[in-house]
PDB file of N, CA and C in Angstrom:
ATOM      1  N   MET A   1      65.002-155.779  61.043  1.00  0.00           N
ATOM      2  CA  MET A   1      64.167-156.217  61.775  1.00  0.00           C
ATOM      3  C   MET A   1      63.695-156.179  63.136  1.00  0.00           C
ATOM      4  N   THR A   2      62.809-154.940  63.935  1.00  0.00           N
ATOM      5  CA  THR A   2      62.923-154.282  65.230  1.00  0.00           C
ATOM      6  C   THR A   2      61.892-155.619  65.899  1.00  0.00           C
ATOM      7  N   ILE A   3      60.908-156.445  65.310  1.00  0.00           N
ATOM      8  CA  ILE A   3      60.176-157.588  65.844  1.00  0.00           C
ATOM      9  C   ILE A   3      60.485-158.225  65.216  1.00  0.00           C
ATOM     10  N   THR A   4      60.399-159.431  65.900  1.00  0.00           N
ATOM     11  CA  THR A   4      60.532-160.716  65.048  1.00  0.00           C
ATOM     12  C   THR A   4      59.365-162.014  66.104  1.00  0.00           C
ATOM     13  N   LYS A   5      59.069-162.801  65.033  1.00  0.00           N
ATOM     14  CA  LYS A   5      58.142-163.656  65.356  1.00  0.00           C
ATOM     15  C   LYS A   5      58.455-164.424  66.668  1.00  0.00           C
ATOM     16  N   ASP A   6      59.318-164.472  66.881  1.00  0.00           N
ATOM     17  CA  ASP A   6      59.833-165.367  68.372  1.00  0.00           C
ATOM     18  C   ASP A   6      59.151-164.239  69.601  1.00  0.00           C
ATOM     19  N   MET A   7      58.964-163.297  69.026  1.00  0.00           N
ATOM     20  CA  MET A   7      58.813-162.415  70.447  1.00  0.00           C
ATOM     21  C   MET A   7      57.837-162.411  71.142  1.00  0.00           C
ATOM     22  N   SER A   8      56.905-162.111  72.670  1.00  0.00           N
ATOM     23  CA  SER A   8      56.470-162.104  72.949  1.00  0.00           C
ATOM     24  C   SER A   8      55.061-161.213  72.452  1.00  0.00           C
ATOM     25  N   ILE A   9      54.079-161.813  72.442  1.00  0.00           N
ATOM     26  CA  ILE A   9      52.569-160.726  71.720  1.00  0.00           C
ATOM     27  C   ILE A   9      52.603-159.608  73.137  1.00  0.00           C
ATOM     28  N   MET A  10      52.638-159.363  74.195  1.00  0.00           N
ATOM     29  CA  MET A  10      52.125-158.795  75.094  1.00  0.00           C
ATOM     30  C   MET A  10      53.895-158.037  75.175  1.00  0.00           C
ATOM     31  N   GLU A  11      55.047-158.579  75.382  1.00  0.00           N
ATOM     32  CA  GLU A  11      56.127-157.671  74.944  1.00  0.00           C
ATOM     33  C   GLU A  11      56.027-156.702  73.956  1.00  0.00           C
ATOM     34  N   VAL A  12      55.624-157.267  72.718  1.00  0.00           N
ATOM     35  CA  VAL A  12      55.415-156.059  72.095  1.00  0.00           C
ATOM     36  C   VAL A  12      54.610-155.357  72.474  1.00  0.00           C
ATOM     37  N   VAL A  13      53.172-155.307  72.176  1.00  0.00           N
ATOM     38  CA  VAL A  13      52.318-154.699  72.650  1.00  0.00           C
ATOM     39  C   VAL A  13      53.110-153.350  73.711  1.00  0.00           C
ATOM     40  N   GLN A  14      53.533-153.810  74.787  1.00  0.00           N
ATOM     41  CA  GLN A  14      53.834-153.084  75.521  1.00  0.00           C
ATOM     42  C   GLN A  14      55.277-152.167  75.131  1.00  0.00           C
ATOM     43  N   LYS A  15      55.815-152.913  74.582  1.00  0.00           N
ATOM     44  CA  LYS A  15      57.173-151.704  74.592  1.00  0.00           C
ATOM     45  C   LYS A  15      56.788-151.334  72.722  1.00  0.00           C
ATOM     46  N   TYR A  16      55.615-151.280  71.854  1.00  0.00           N
ATOM     47  CA  TYR A  16      54.998-150.647  70.944  1.00  0.00           C
ATOM     48  C   TYR A  16      53.710-151.070  70.658  1.00  0.00           C
ATOM     49  N   PRO A  17      53.123-149.691  71.547  1.00  0.00           N
ATOM     50  CA  PRO A  17      51.839-149.233  71.446  1.00  0.00           C
ATOM     51  C   PRO A  17      51.394-149.294  70.219  1.00  0.00           C
ATOM     52  N   ASP A  18      51.574-148.728  69.307  1.00  0.00           N
ATOM     53  CA  ASP A  18      51.427-148.683  67.932  1.00  0.00           C
ATOM     54  C   ASP A  18      51.252-149.948  67.221  1.00  0.00           C
ATOM     55  N   THR A  19      51.575-150.962  67.638  1.00  0.00           N
ATOM     56  CA  THR A  19      51.337-152.015  67.214  1.00  0.00           C
ATOM     57  C   THR A  19      49.874-152.722  67.278  1.00  0.00           C
ATOM     58  N   VAL A  20      49.461-152.587  68.427  1.00  0.00           N
ATOM     59  CA  VAL A  20      47.663-152.961  68.712  1.00  0.00           C
ATOM     60  C   VAL A  20      47.145-152.945  67.610  1.00  0.00           C
ATOM     61  N   GLU A  21      47.494-151.705  66.802  1.00  0.00           N
ATOM     62  CA  GLU A  21      46.230-151.884  65.327  1.00  0.00           C
ATOM     63  C   GLU A  21      46.696-152.333  64.656  1.00  0.00           C
ATOM     64  N   VAL A  22      48.062-152.627  63.840  1.00  0.00           N
ATOM     65  CA  VAL A  22      47.988-153.761  63.219  1.00  0.00           C
ATOM     66  C   VAL A  22      47.483-154.992  63.707  1.00  0.00           C
ATOM     67  N   PHE A  23      47.670-156.068  65.278  1.00  0.00           N
ATOM     68  CA  PHE A  23      47.235-156.889  64.922  1.00  0.00           C
ATOM     69  C   PHE A  23      45.705-157.088  65.119  1.00  0.00           C
ATOM     70  N   MET A  24      45.182-156.233  65.902  1.00  0.00           N
ATOM     71  CA  MET A  24      43.653-155.854  65.350  1.00  0.00           C
ATOM     72  C   MET A  24      43.259-156.003  64.137  1.00  0.00           C
ATOM     73  N   ASN A  25      43.982-154.978  63.298  1.00  0.00           N
ATOM     74  CA  ASN A  25      43.043-155.127  61.944  1.00  0.00           C
ATOM     75  C   ASN A  25      43.952-156.543  60.981  1.00  0.00           C
ATOM     76  N   SER A  26      44.676-157.196  62.026  1.00  0.00           N
ATOM     77  CA  SER A  26      45.115-158.561  61.104  1.00  0.00           C
ATOM     78  C   SER A  26      44.311-159.562  61.484  1.00  0.00           C
ATOM     79  N   GLY A  27      43.337-159.244  62.629  1.00  0.00           N
ATOM     80  CA  GLY A  27      42.308-160.188  63.045  1.00  0.00           C
ATOM     81  C   GLY A  27      42.863-160.813  64.443  1.00  0.00           C
ATOM     82  N   MET A  28      43.569-160.376  65.072  1.00  0.00           N
ATOM     83  CA  MET A  28      44.445-160.770  66.825  1.00  0.00           C
ATOM     84  C   MET A  28      43.918-160.189  67.565  1.00  0.00           C
ATOM     85  N   GLY A  29      42.189-159.997  67.758  1.00  0.00           N
ATOM     86  CA  GLY A  29      41.827-159.062  68.438  1.00  0.00           C
ATOM     87  C   GLY A  29      41.621-159.389  69.866  1.00  0.00           C
ATOM     88  N   CYS A  30      42.815-160.902  70.199  1.00  0.00           N
ATOM     89  CA  CYS A  30      42.506-161.464  71.599  1.00  0.00           C
ATOM     90  C   CYS A  30      43.375-160.484  72.462  1.00  0.00           C
ATOM     91  N   LEU A  31      44.102-159.709  72.089  1.00  0.00           N
ATOM     92  CA  LEU A  31      45.477-158.850  72.712  1.00  0.00           C
ATOM     93  C   LEU A  31      45.443-159.073  74.360  1.00  0.00           C
ATOM     94  N   GLY A  32      44.291-159.192  75.090  1.00  0.00           N
ATOM     95  CA  GLY A  32      43.472-159.245  76.246  1.00  0.00           C
ATOM     96  C   GLY A  32      43.401-160.805  77.022  1.00  0.00           C
ATOM     97  N   CYS A  33      43.698-161.574  75.829  1.00  0.00           N
ATOM     98  CA  CYS A  33      43.609-163.398  76.218  1.00  0.00           C
ATOM     99  C   CYS A  33      44.596-163.856  77.296  1.00  0.00           C
ATOM    100  N   ALA A  34      44.140-164.654  77.836  1.00  0.00           N
ATOM    101  CA  ALA A  34      45.639-165.430  78.217  1.00  0.00           C
ATOM    102  C   ALA A  34      46.686-165.660  77.951  1.00  0.00           C
ATOM    103  N   ALA A  35      46.219-166.106  76.666  1.00  0.00           N
ATOM    104  CA  ALA A  35      47.009-166.386  75.288  1.00  0.00           C
ATOM    105  C   ALA A  35      48.384-165.842  75.200  1.00  0.00           C
ATOM    106  N   ALA A  36      48.033-164.319  74.755  1.00  0.00           N
ATOM    107  CA  ALA A  36      49.057-163.295  74.421  1.00  0.00           C
ATOM    108  C   ALA A  36      49.964-163.303  75.404  1.00  0.00           C
ATOM    109  N   HIS A  37      49.682-163.309  76.745  1.00  0.00           N
ATOM    110  CA  HIS A  37      50.680-163.538  77.620  1.00  0.00           C
ATOM    111  C   HIS A  37      51.647-164.252  77.606  1.00  0.00           C
ATOM    112  N   PHE A  38      51.488-165.339  76.723  1.00  0.00           N
ATOM    113  CA  PHE A  38      53.191-166.429  76.644  1.00  0.00           C
ATOM    114  C   PHE A  38      53.458-166.770  75.363  1.00  0.00           C
ATOM    115  N   GLU A  39      52.076-166.396  74.282  1.00  0.00           N
ATOM    116  CA  GLU A  39      52.720-167.019  72.905  1.00  0.00           C
ATOM    117  C   GLU A  39      53.227-165.758  72.047  1.00  0.00           C
ATOM    118  N   ASN A  40      53.969-166.753  71.270  1.00  0.00           N
ATOM    119  CA  ASN A  40      54.383-165.441  70.555  1.00  0.00           C
ATOM    120  C   ASN A  40      54.202-164.571  69.360  1.00  0.00           C
ATOM    121  N   ILE A  41      54.697-164.081  68.645  1.00  0.00           N
ATOM    122  CA  ILE A  41      53.729-163.738  67.420  1.00  0.00           C
ATOM    123  C   ILE A  41      53.268-165.128  66.871  1.00  0.00           C
ATOM    124  N   GLU A  42      54.135-165.412  66.130  1.00  0.00           N
ATOM    125  CA  GLU A  42      54.142-166.880  64.973  1.00  0.00           C
ATOM    126  C   GLU A  42      53.209-167.252  66.065  1.00  0.00           C
ATOM    127  N   GLN A  43      53.211-168.141  66.838  1.00  0.00           N
ATOM    128  CA  GLN A  43      52.421-168.948  67.437  1.00  0.00           C
ATOM    129  C   GLN A  43      50.745-168.173  67.546  1.00  0.00           C
ATOM    130  N   GLY A  44      51.038-166.767  68.209  1.00  0.00           N
ATOM    131  CA  GLY A  44      49.383-166.629  68.091  1.00  0.00           C
ATOM    132  C   GLY A  44      48.955-166.202  65.980  1.00  0.00           C
ATOM    133  N   ALA A  45      49.268-165.856  65.480  1.00  0.00           N
ATOM    134  CA  ALA A  45      49.442-166.281  64.057  1.00  0.00           C
ATOM    135  C   ALA A  45      48.757-167.131  63.647  1.00  0.00           C
ATOM    136  N   LEU A  46      49.649-167.675  63.652  1.00  0.00           N
ATOM    137  CA  LEU A  46      49.269-169.351  63.310  1.00  0.00           C
ATOM    138  C   LEU A  46      47.699-170.213  63.949  1.00  0.00           C
ATOM    139  N   ALA A  47      47.563-169.814  64.720  1.00  0.00           N
ATOM    140  CA  ALA A  47      46.291-170.034  65.616  1.00  0.00           C
ATOM    141  C   ALA A  47      45.087-169.685  65.224  1.00  0.00           C
ATOM    142  N   HIS A  48      45.588-168.062  64.739  1.00  0.00           N
ATOM    143  CA  HIS A  48      44.540-167.691  63.893  1.00  0.00           C
ATOM    144  C   HIS A  48      44.203-167.411  62.427  1.00  0.00           C
ATOM    145  N   GLY A  49      45.362-168.290  62.206  1.00  0.00           N
ATOM    146  CA  GLY A  49      45.240-168.569  60.858  1.00  0.00           C
ATOM    147  C   GLY A  49      45.809-167.473  59.722  1.00  0.00           C
ATOM    148  N   ILE A  50      46.745-166.426  60.158  1.00  0.00           N
ATOM    149  CA  ILE A  50      47.043-165.246  59.752  1.00  0.00           C
ATOM    150  C   ILE A  50      48.630-165.429  59.158  1.00  0.00           C
ATOM    151  N   ASP A  51      48.818-164.445  57.835  1.00  0.00           N
ATOM    152  CA  ASP A  51      50.156-164.572  57.513  1.00  0.00           C
ATOM    153  C   ASP A  51      51.190-164.040  58.137  1.00  0.00           C
ATOM    154  N   VAL A  52      52.408-164.790  58.959  1.00  0.00           N
ATOM    155  CA  VAL A  52      52.969-164.779  60.052  1.00  0.00           C
ATOM    156  C   VAL A  52      53.919-163.661  59.265  1.00  0.00           C
ATOM    157  N   ASP A  53      54.226-163.985  57.364  1.00  0.00           N
ATOM    158  CA  ASP A  53      55.136-162.945  57.106  1.00  0.00           C
ATOM    159  C   ASP A  53      54.375-161.205  57.057  1.00  0.00           C
ATOM    160  N   GLY A  54      53.291-161.379  56.457  1.00  0.00           N
ATOM    161  CA  GLY A  54      52.547-160.272  55.771  1.00  0.00           C
ATOM    162  C   GLY A  54      52.405-159.835  57.713  1.00  0.00           C
ATOM    163  N   LEU A  55      52.162-160.111  58.558  1.00  0.00           N
ATOM    164  CA  LEU A  55      51.570-159.268  60.269  1.00  0.00           C
ATOM    165  C   LEU A  55      52.963-158.738  60.266  1.00  0.00           C
ATOM    166  N   MET A  56      54.205-159.746  60.368  1.00  0.00           N
ATOM    167  CA  MET A  56      55.524-159.226  60.550  1.00  0.00           C
ATOM    168  C   MET A  56      55.888-157.585  60.008  1.00  0.00           C
ATOM    169  N   GLU A  57      55.414-157.635  58.674  1.00  0.00           N
ATOM    170  CA  GLU A  57      55.496-156.440  57.974  1.00  0.00           C
ATOM    171  C   GLU A  57      55.074-155.093  58.118  1.00  0.00           C
ATOM    172  N   GLY A  58      53.861-155.588  58.656  1.00  0.00           N
ATOM    173  CA  GLY A  58      53.085-154.667  58.737  1.00  0.00           C
ATOM    174  C   GLY A  58      53.412-153.723  60.971  1.00  0.00           C
ATOM    175  N   LEU A  59      53.917-154.813  61.464  1.00  0.00           N
ATOM    176  CA  LEU A  59      54.493-154.574  63.041  1.00  0.00           C
ATOM    177  C   LEU A  59      55.843-153.721  62.758  1.00  0.00           C
ATOM    178  N   ASN A  60      56.511-154.086  61.935  1.00  0.00           N
ATOM    179  CA  ASN A  60      57.734-153.532  61.803  1.00  0.00           C
ATOM    180  C   ASN A  60      57.799-152.228  60.867  1.00  0.00           C
ATOM    181  N   ALA A  61      56.526-151.852  59.958  1.00  0.00           N
ATOM    182  CA  ALA A  61      56.212-150.627  59.378  1.00  0.00           C
ATOM    183  C   ALA A  61      55.860-149.635  60.663  1.00  0.00           C
ATOM    184  N   VAL A  62      55.861-149.913  61.462  1.00  0.00           N
ATOM    185  CA  VAL A  62      54.653-148.700  62.944  1.00  0.00           C
ATOM    186  C   VAL A  62      55.904-148.632  63.779  1.00  0.00           C
ATOM    187  N   VAL A  63      57.139-149.175  63.876  1.00  0.00           N
ATOM    188  CA  VAL A  63      57.842-148.933  64.854  1.00  0.00           C
ATOM    189  C   VAL A  63      58.997-148.118  64.813  1.00  0.00           C
ATOM    190  N   PRO A  64      59.649-147.258  65.104  1.00  0.00           N
ATOM    191  CA  PRO A  64      60.579-146.149  64.625  1.00  0.00           C
ATOM    192  C   PRO A  64      61.770-147.524  64.192  1.00  0.00           C
ATOM    193  N   GLN A  65      62.659-147.421  63.851  1.00  0.00           N
ATOM    194  CA  GLN A  65      63.885-148.348  63.335  1.00  0.00           C
ATOM    195  C   GLN A  65      65.244-147.574  64.136  1.00  0.00           C
ATOM    196  N   ALA A  66      65.385-148.982  63.695  1.00  0.00           N
ATOM    197  CA  ALA A  66      67.042-147.933  64.987  1.00  0.00           C
ATOM    198  C   ALA A  66      68.091-147.468  63.405  1.00  0.00           C
TER     199      ALA A  66
END
């Protein structure tokens, strides 16, 4: 798995721009908010009531696998 739930939201967005659409479609449209700079993916997903495992699958589906 390339992206893990302990990674920072902004770190993932900056490194893998294709993930923005996945975040937005899952209900995490607050990528520009201050919390996105220090929250990890799991924290953000839980705060928005989003299924973390489903989000992780979606994020990893759009990034190139090594």
